[in-house]
Amino acid sequence: MSQAKTGILLANLGTPEAPTSAAVSRYLRQFLSDTRVVDTPRLLWWPLLRGVILPIRSPRVAKLYQSVWMDEGSPLMVYSRRQEKALAARLPDMPVVLGMSYGKPSLESAVNELLAQGVDHIVVLALYPQYSCSTVAAVWDELARILATRRRIPAVTFIRDYADNEMYINALASSARASFAKHGEPDLLLLSYHGIPQRFANEGDDYPQRCRDTTRELVSALGLPPEKVMMTFQSRFGREPWLTPYTDETLKMLGEKGVKHIQVMSPGFAADCLETLEEIAVQNREFFLEAGGTKYEYIPALNDDPEHIEMMVSLVTNSR
């Protein structure tokens, strides 16, 4: 019996192709049209999205992208490509292809590329450490849509998440220790995860628990007392309640209460992007310092750090 040829599909959210209003509008339109992200009835949502949100939000978001854009492109794309290249170098016998839920390269183009290389088993690694219906499930939905009309489909292994994976936790701990060594141990380590509507959690999304799992294991690995670590949620959108406590409001409160030195890491992001490099590293730093804090450092995402790549190697090879 011949052995299956395995390929790796690295999946992430996506990014605009350029830091312009038009490119941002195209990206946001696709992103915010996914019912996994916004489940408002379409007859209500589409006129609001196209007539109000995109015209107002796109120019503002484009300016933010301009502030973090790298020579090679969008930070998320740059780091994702580096991850793809590094993982491929470690797995020379397996094709590794990057696909994004929104924008380019699409998940469909990634699947087509793998199948064109003769792959009959795809291991899907969605680079969201903590499962959420708005991220990981969106990859699942799109993969099912892509394969729905094919007469012959490959075997698929889907890695749901890796919130408490030992190698992932150790990589985070190494990153935090390096920051402590460089800047001094902070009064408080703030772990800021991307938020989701509280309603999603009420309806069964276990994302908050998976964030707590990561936090628990990381605190244990670092040997920090519980009072020196806080878990918060960032990047809320719209008017309904999202997971709390909110990162921005917490940083303002901490500055006002006399906390002087904070370091922030975002363990829910496998690669640095607008939400980490601008929202956390710039906006929230200003909130904390203006409220009375004196030292604030953002600890970068794991990106293409060798420990992070080794974790990916372990995840995909143990899932074959």
Protein backbone atom coordinates (compact mmCIF):
# COMPACT_ATOMS: atom_id res chain seq x y z
CA MET A 1 0.00 0.00 0.00
CA SER A 2 1.48 3.35 -1.02
CA GLN A 3 2.06 5.93 1.68
CA ALA A 4 -0.01 9.12 1.57
CA LYS A 5 1.77 12.29 0.54
CA THR A 6 1.18 14.89 3.24
CA GLY A 7 1.11 18.64 2.76
CA ILE A 8 0.80 21.41 5.34
CA LEU A 9 -1.72 24.23 5.06
CA LEU A 10 -0.73 27.15 7.27
CA ALA A 11 -3.81 29.31 7.80
CA ASN A 12 -4.15 32.79 9.24
CA LEU A 13 -6.65 35.63 9.12
CA GLY A 14 -5.35 37.78 6.29
CA THR A 15 -4.39 41.38 5.59
CA PRO A 16 -4.96 44.14 3.04
CA GLU A 17 -2.65 44.02 0.04
CA ALA A 18 -1.67 47.67 0.48
CA PRO A 19 -2.05 50.38 3.15
CA THR A 20 -4.63 52.25 1.09
CA SER A 21 -8.31 52.99 1.68
CA ALA A 22 -9.33 50.95 -1.37
CA ALA A 23 -7.31 47.87 -0.38
CA VAL A 24 -8.45 48.09 3.23
CA SER A 25 -12.07 48.44 2.11
CA ARG A 26 -11.82 45.29 -0.06
CA TYR A 27 -10.30 43.36 2.81
CA LEU A 28 -12.76 44.56 5.46
CA ARG A 29 -15.71 43.90 3.18
CA GLN A 30 -14.75 40.24 2.85
CA PHE A 31 -13.79 39.89 6.52
CA LEU A 32 -16.89 41.57 7.94
CA SER A 33 -19.21 39.71 5.54
CA ASP A 34 -18.34 36.35 7.14
CA THR A 35 -21.20 35.26 9.41
CA ARG A 36 -18.63 33.63 11.70
CA VAL A 37 -17.30 37.14 12.40
CA VAL A 38 -20.52 39.19 12.34
CA ASP A 39 -23.79 37.23 12.55
CA THR A 40 -26.19 40.16 12.29
CA PRO A 41 -28.99 39.36 9.79
CA ARG A 42 -27.72 40.17 6.30
CA LEU A 43 -30.61 42.47 5.38
CA LEU A 44 -29.65 44.69 8.30
CA TRP A 45 -25.89 44.25 8.14
CA TRP A 46 -25.05 44.73 4.46
CA PRO A 47 -26.49 48.26 4.08
CA LEU A 48 -24.75 49.28 7.32
CA LEU A 49 -21.46 47.68 6.27
CA ARG A 50 -21.37 49.08 2.75
CA GLY A 51 -23.00 52.42 3.37
CA VAL A 52 -21.53 53.42 6.74
CA ILE A 53 -18.78 51.22 8.16
CA LEU A 54 -16.55 50.75 5.10
CA PRO A 55 -16.60 54.40 3.95
CA ILE A 56 -15.80 55.65 7.46
CA ARG A 57 -13.53 52.94 8.76
CA SER A 58 -11.38 52.18 5.70
CA PRO A 59 -9.50 55.53 5.48
CA ARG A 60 -8.84 55.49 9.22
CA VAL A 61 -7.59 51.91 9.25
CA ALA A 62 -5.45 52.57 6.17
CA LYS A 63 -3.58 55.30 8.08
CA LEU A 64 -2.93 52.86 10.91
CA TYR A 65 -1.59 50.27 8.47
CA GLN A 66 0.71 52.92 6.99
CA SER A 67 2.24 53.42 10.44
CA VAL A 68 3.31 49.76 10.76
CA TRP A 69 3.85 48.76 7.10
CA MET A 70 7.22 47.09 6.49
CA ASP A 71 9.47 47.30 3.44
CA GLU A 72 8.34 43.80 2.42
CA GLY A 73 4.65 44.49 3.05
CA SER A 74 2.05 44.05 5.78
CA PRO A 75 3.61 42.74 9.02
CA LEU A 76 1.20 39.80 9.21
CA MET A 77 2.07 38.76 5.67
CA VAL A 78 5.81 39.28 6.17
CA TYR A 79 5.93 37.15 9.32
CA SER A 80 3.54 34.53 7.90
CA ARG A 81 5.75 34.11 4.84
CA ARG A 82 8.78 33.75 7.08
CA GLN A 83 6.96 31.08 9.08
CA GLU A 84 6.01 29.28 5.87
CA LYS A 85 9.62 29.36 4.64
CA ALA A 86 11.08 28.26 7.98
CA LEU A 87 8.62 25.39 8.38
CA ALA A 88 9.25 24.23 4.81
CA ALA A 89 12.99 24.19 5.51
CA ARG A 90 12.41 21.91 8.50
CA LEU A 91 10.05 19.62 6.56
CA PRO A 92 11.68 19.18 3.14
CA ASP A 93 9.52 16.18 2.26
CA MET A 94 6.23 17.99 2.86
CA PRO A 95 4.89 20.89 0.79
CA VAL A 96 4.04 23.85 3.06
CA VAL A 97 1.63 26.46 1.71
CA LEU A 98 0.19 29.60 3.30
CA GLY A 99 -3.48 30.50 2.93
CA MET A 100 -5.55 33.31 4.43
CA SER A 101 -9.23 33.30 5.38
CA TYR A 102 -9.59 36.76 3.85
CA GLY A 103 -7.54 38.41 1.12
CA LYS A 104 -4.61 36.81 -0.69
CA PRO A 105 -3.23 34.20 -0.80
CA SER A 106 -6.62 32.61 -0.26
CA LEU A 107 -7.24 29.30 1.42
CA GLU A 108 -8.59 28.03 -1.91
CA SER A 109 -5.38 28.91 -3.73
CA ALA A 110 -3.40 27.14 -0.99
CA VAL A 111 -5.50 23.98 -1.25
CA ASN A 112 -5.22 24.01 -5.05
CA GLU A 113 -1.46 24.40 -4.83
CA LEU A 114 -1.16 21.46 -2.44
CA LEU A 115 -3.38 19.22 -4.59
CA ALA A 116 -1.42 20.19 -7.70
CA GLN A 117 1.69 18.84 -5.95
CA GLY A 118 0.03 15.45 -5.56
CA VAL A 119 -0.88 15.77 -1.88
CA ASP A 120 -3.56 13.35 -0.71
CA HIS A 121 -3.42 14.27 2.98
CA ILE A 122 -3.58 17.87 4.22
CA VAL A 123 -2.66 18.85 7.76
CA VAL A 124 -4.35 22.18 8.51
CA LEU A 125 -2.58 24.32 11.10
CA ALA A 126 -4.67 27.40 11.77
CA LEU A 127 -2.33 29.82 13.53
CA TYR A 128 -4.76 30.72 16.29
CA PRO A 129 -3.43 29.25 19.55
CA GLN A 130 -6.85 29.45 21.22
CA TYR A 131 -9.90 28.14 19.36
CA SER A 132 -12.73 30.53 18.56
CA CYS A 133 -15.74 30.16 16.31
CA SER A 134 -14.78 33.48 14.71
CA THR A 135 -11.31 32.32 13.64
CA VAL A 136 -10.63 28.57 13.61
CA ALA A 137 -14.20 27.64 12.67
CA ALA A 138 -14.06 30.13 9.78
CA VAL A 139 -11.11 28.17 8.38
CA TRP A 140 -13.07 24.94 8.79
CA ASP A 141 -16.08 26.42 6.98
CA GLU A 142 -14.00 27.67 4.05
CA LEU A 143 -12.13 24.38 3.73
CA ALA A 144 -15.45 22.52 3.57
CA ARG A 145 -16.72 24.96 0.92
CA ILE A 146 -13.56 24.51 -1.18
CA LEU A 147 -13.82 20.71 -1.14
CA ALA A 148 -17.62 20.53 -1.45
CA THR A 149 -17.70 20.26 -5.25
CA ARG A 150 -14.68 17.99 -5.72
CA ARG A 151 -15.20 14.37 -6.69
CA ARG A 152 -12.02 13.36 -4.92
CA ILE A 153 -11.03 14.98 -1.67
CA PRO A 154 -7.85 14.47 0.35
CA ALA A 155 -7.69 13.16 3.85
CA VAL A 156 -7.70 16.15 6.21
CA THR A 157 -6.23 16.48 9.68
CA PHE A 158 -7.41 19.66 11.35
CA ILE A 159 -5.49 20.98 14.35
CA ARG A 160 -8.19 22.68 16.40
CA ASP A 161 -5.83 24.73 18.57
CA TYR A 162 -2.76 24.48 20.78
CA ALA A 163 -3.58 26.72 23.75
CA ASP A 164 -1.80 24.61 26.37
CA ASN A 165 0.75 22.85 24.17
CA GLU A 166 3.97 22.54 26.18
CA MET A 167 6.26 23.72 23.39
CA TYR A 168 4.04 26.74 22.73
CA ILE A 169 4.02 27.65 26.42
CA ASN A 170 7.79 27.24 26.66
CA ALA A 171 8.29 29.50 23.63
CA LEU A 172 6.09 32.17 25.21
CA ALA A 173 7.97 31.84 28.50
CA SER A 174 11.32 32.21 26.75
CA SER A 175 10.07 35.36 25.03
CA ALA A 176 8.86 36.83 28.32
CA ARG A 177 12.12 36.00 30.11
CA ALA A 178 14.11 37.67 27.34
CA SER A 179 12.04 40.81 27.77
CA PHE A 180 12.46 40.73 31.56
CA ALA A 181 16.22 40.38 31.13
CA LYS A 182 16.34 43.33 28.73
CA HIS A 183 13.95 45.73 30.46
CA GLY A 184 13.78 44.46 34.03
CA GLU A 185 10.95 42.43 35.54
CA PRO A 186 7.77 44.53 35.41
CA ASP A 187 5.38 45.26 38.24
CA LEU A 188 2.77 43.49 36.15
CA LEU A 189 2.71 41.23 33.08
CA LEU A 190 -0.46 41.87 31.10
CA LEU A 191 -1.63 39.09 28.77
CA SER A 192 -3.91 40.68 26.18
CA TYR A 193 -5.98 38.36 23.99
CA HIS A 194 -8.16 39.36 21.07
CA GLY A 195 -11.75 39.74 22.21
CA ILE A 196 -14.97 38.20 20.93
CA PRO A 197 -18.57 39.14 21.73
CA GLN A 198 -19.60 37.83 25.15
CA ARG A 199 -22.66 36.39 23.42
CA PHE A 200 -20.46 33.97 21.43
CA ALA A 201 -19.11 32.56 24.69
CA ASN A 202 -22.61 32.37 26.15
CA GLU A 203 -23.63 30.32 23.11
CA GLY A 204 -20.83 27.77 23.60
CA ASP A 205 -17.57 29.15 22.19
CA ASP A 206 -14.88 27.91 24.59
CA TYR A 207 -12.41 30.63 23.59
CA PRO A 208 -12.38 32.30 27.04
CA GLN A 209 -11.48 28.98 28.68
CA ARG A 210 -8.72 28.33 26.15
CA CYS A 211 -7.29 31.78 26.92
CA ARG A 212 -7.40 30.94 30.63
CA ASP A 213 -5.63 27.65 29.87
CA THR A 214 -2.78 29.49 28.14
CA THR A 215 -2.56 32.03 30.95
CA ARG A 216 -2.48 29.35 33.64
CA GLU A 217 0.26 27.36 31.95
CA LEU A 218 2.36 30.43 31.14
CA VAL A 219 2.14 31.76 34.70
CA SER A 220 3.22 28.35 35.95
CA ALA A 221 6.14 28.17 33.49
CA LEU A 222 7.35 31.63 34.48
CA GLY A 223 6.93 30.97 38.20
CA LEU A 224 5.20 34.31 38.71
CA PRO A 225 2.83 34.94 41.60
CA PRO A 226 -0.78 35.32 40.39
CA GLU A 227 -0.95 38.96 41.49
CA LYS A 228 1.80 39.87 39.01
CA VAL A 229 -0.19 38.72 35.96
CA MET A 230 -3.48 39.94 34.46
CA MET A 231 -5.50 38.64 31.52
CA THR A 232 -7.45 41.11 29.38
CA PHE A 233 -9.15 41.33 25.98
CA GLN A 234 -8.47 43.82 23.20
CA SER A 235 -9.82 44.95 19.81
CA ARG A 236 -13.54 45.08 20.53
CA PHE A 237 -15.81 46.17 17.70
CA GLY A 238 -19.43 47.33 17.69
CA ARG A 239 -21.76 48.10 20.56
CA GLU A 240 -22.59 44.77 22.16
CA PRO A 241 -20.60 43.60 25.21
CA TRP A 242 -17.36 41.76 24.49
CA LEU A 243 -15.19 39.66 26.79
CA THR A 244 -13.90 41.65 29.76
CA PRO A 245 -11.79 43.11 31.25
CA TYR A 246 -10.95 45.37 28.31
CA THR A 247 -7.23 45.94 27.74
CA ASP A 248 -7.40 49.70 27.15
CA GLU A 249 -9.59 50.41 30.17
CA THR A 250 -7.45 48.16 32.36
CA LEU A 251 -4.24 49.97 31.40
CA LYS A 252 -5.80 53.34 32.20
CA MET A 253 -6.96 52.00 35.56
CA LEU A 254 -3.56 50.52 36.40
CA GLY A 255 -1.78 53.78 35.59
CA GLU A 256 -4.19 55.70 37.78
CA LYS A 257 -3.69 53.23 40.64
CA GLY A 258 0.07 53.79 40.67
CA VAL A 259 1.40 50.80 38.77
CA LYS A 260 4.61 52.09 37.18
CA HIS A 261 6.09 49.34 34.99
CA ILE A 262 4.06 47.06 32.72
CA GLN A 263 5.00 44.62 30.00
CA VAL A 264 2.32 43.36 27.61
CA MET A 265 2.25 40.28 25.45
CA SER A 266 -0.54 39.01 23.19
CA PRO A 267 -0.39 35.19 23.32
CA GLY A 268 -3.34 34.83 20.95
CA PHE A 269 -1.38 36.17 17.98
CA ALA A 270 1.04 33.84 16.20
CA ALA A 271 2.39 36.75 14.15
CA ASP A 272 2.62 40.47 14.77
CA CYS A 273 0.01 42.52 12.97
CA LEU A 274 -1.91 45.79 13.21
CA GLU A 275 -3.59 44.75 16.46
CA THR A 276 -0.27 44.16 18.20
CA LEU A 277 2.12 46.64 16.58
CA GLU A 278 -0.23 49.62 16.57
CA GLU A 279 -3.04 48.96 19.03
CA ILE A 280 -0.96 47.35 21.79
CA ALA A 281 2.53 48.72 21.20
CA VAL A 282 1.43 52.31 20.48
CA GLN A 283 -2.15 53.18 21.44
CA ASN A 284 -2.30 51.28 24.71
CA ARG A 285 1.17 52.43 25.69
CA GLU A 286 -0.11 56.01 25.45
CA PHE A 287 -3.14 55.16 27.59
CA PHE A 288 -0.94 53.73 30.34
CA LEU A 289 1.66 56.51 30.35
CA GLU A 290 -0.95 59.27 30.23
CA ALA A 291 -2.68 57.68 33.22
CA GLY A 292 0.49 57.83 35.34
CA GLY A 293 2.61 54.82 34.35
CA THR A 294 6.30 55.32 33.61
CA LYS A 295 7.56 52.18 31.77
CA TYR A 296 5.73 50.13 29.17
CA GLU A 297 7.09 47.46 26.83
CA TYR A 298 5.35 45.29 24.28
CA ILE A 299 6.74 41.74 24.03
CA PRO A 300 6.61 40.76 20.32
CA ALA A 301 4.66 37.80 19.02
CA LEU A 302 6.59 34.59 18.46
CA ASN A 303 6.64 35.17 14.68
CA ASP A 304 9.41 33.05 13.11
CA ASP A 305 11.34 32.49 16.33
CA PRO A 306 13.07 29.08 16.14
CA GLU A 307 11.21 27.77 19.21
CA HIS A 308 7.92 28.70 17.56
CA ILE A 309 8.86 26.93 14.34
CA GLU A 310 9.91 23.81 16.26
CA MET A 311 6.50 23.82 17.94
CA MET A 312 4.85 23.92 14.51
CA VAL A 313 7.03 21.04 13.33
CA SER A 314 5.96 19.01 16.35
CA LEU A 315 2.27 19.82 15.89
CA VAL A 316 2.09 18.85 12.23
CA THR A 317 4.32 15.77 12.39
CA ASN A 318 2.44 14.39 15.38
CA SER A 319 -0.87 14.91 13.54
CA ARG A 320 0.02 12.86 10.46
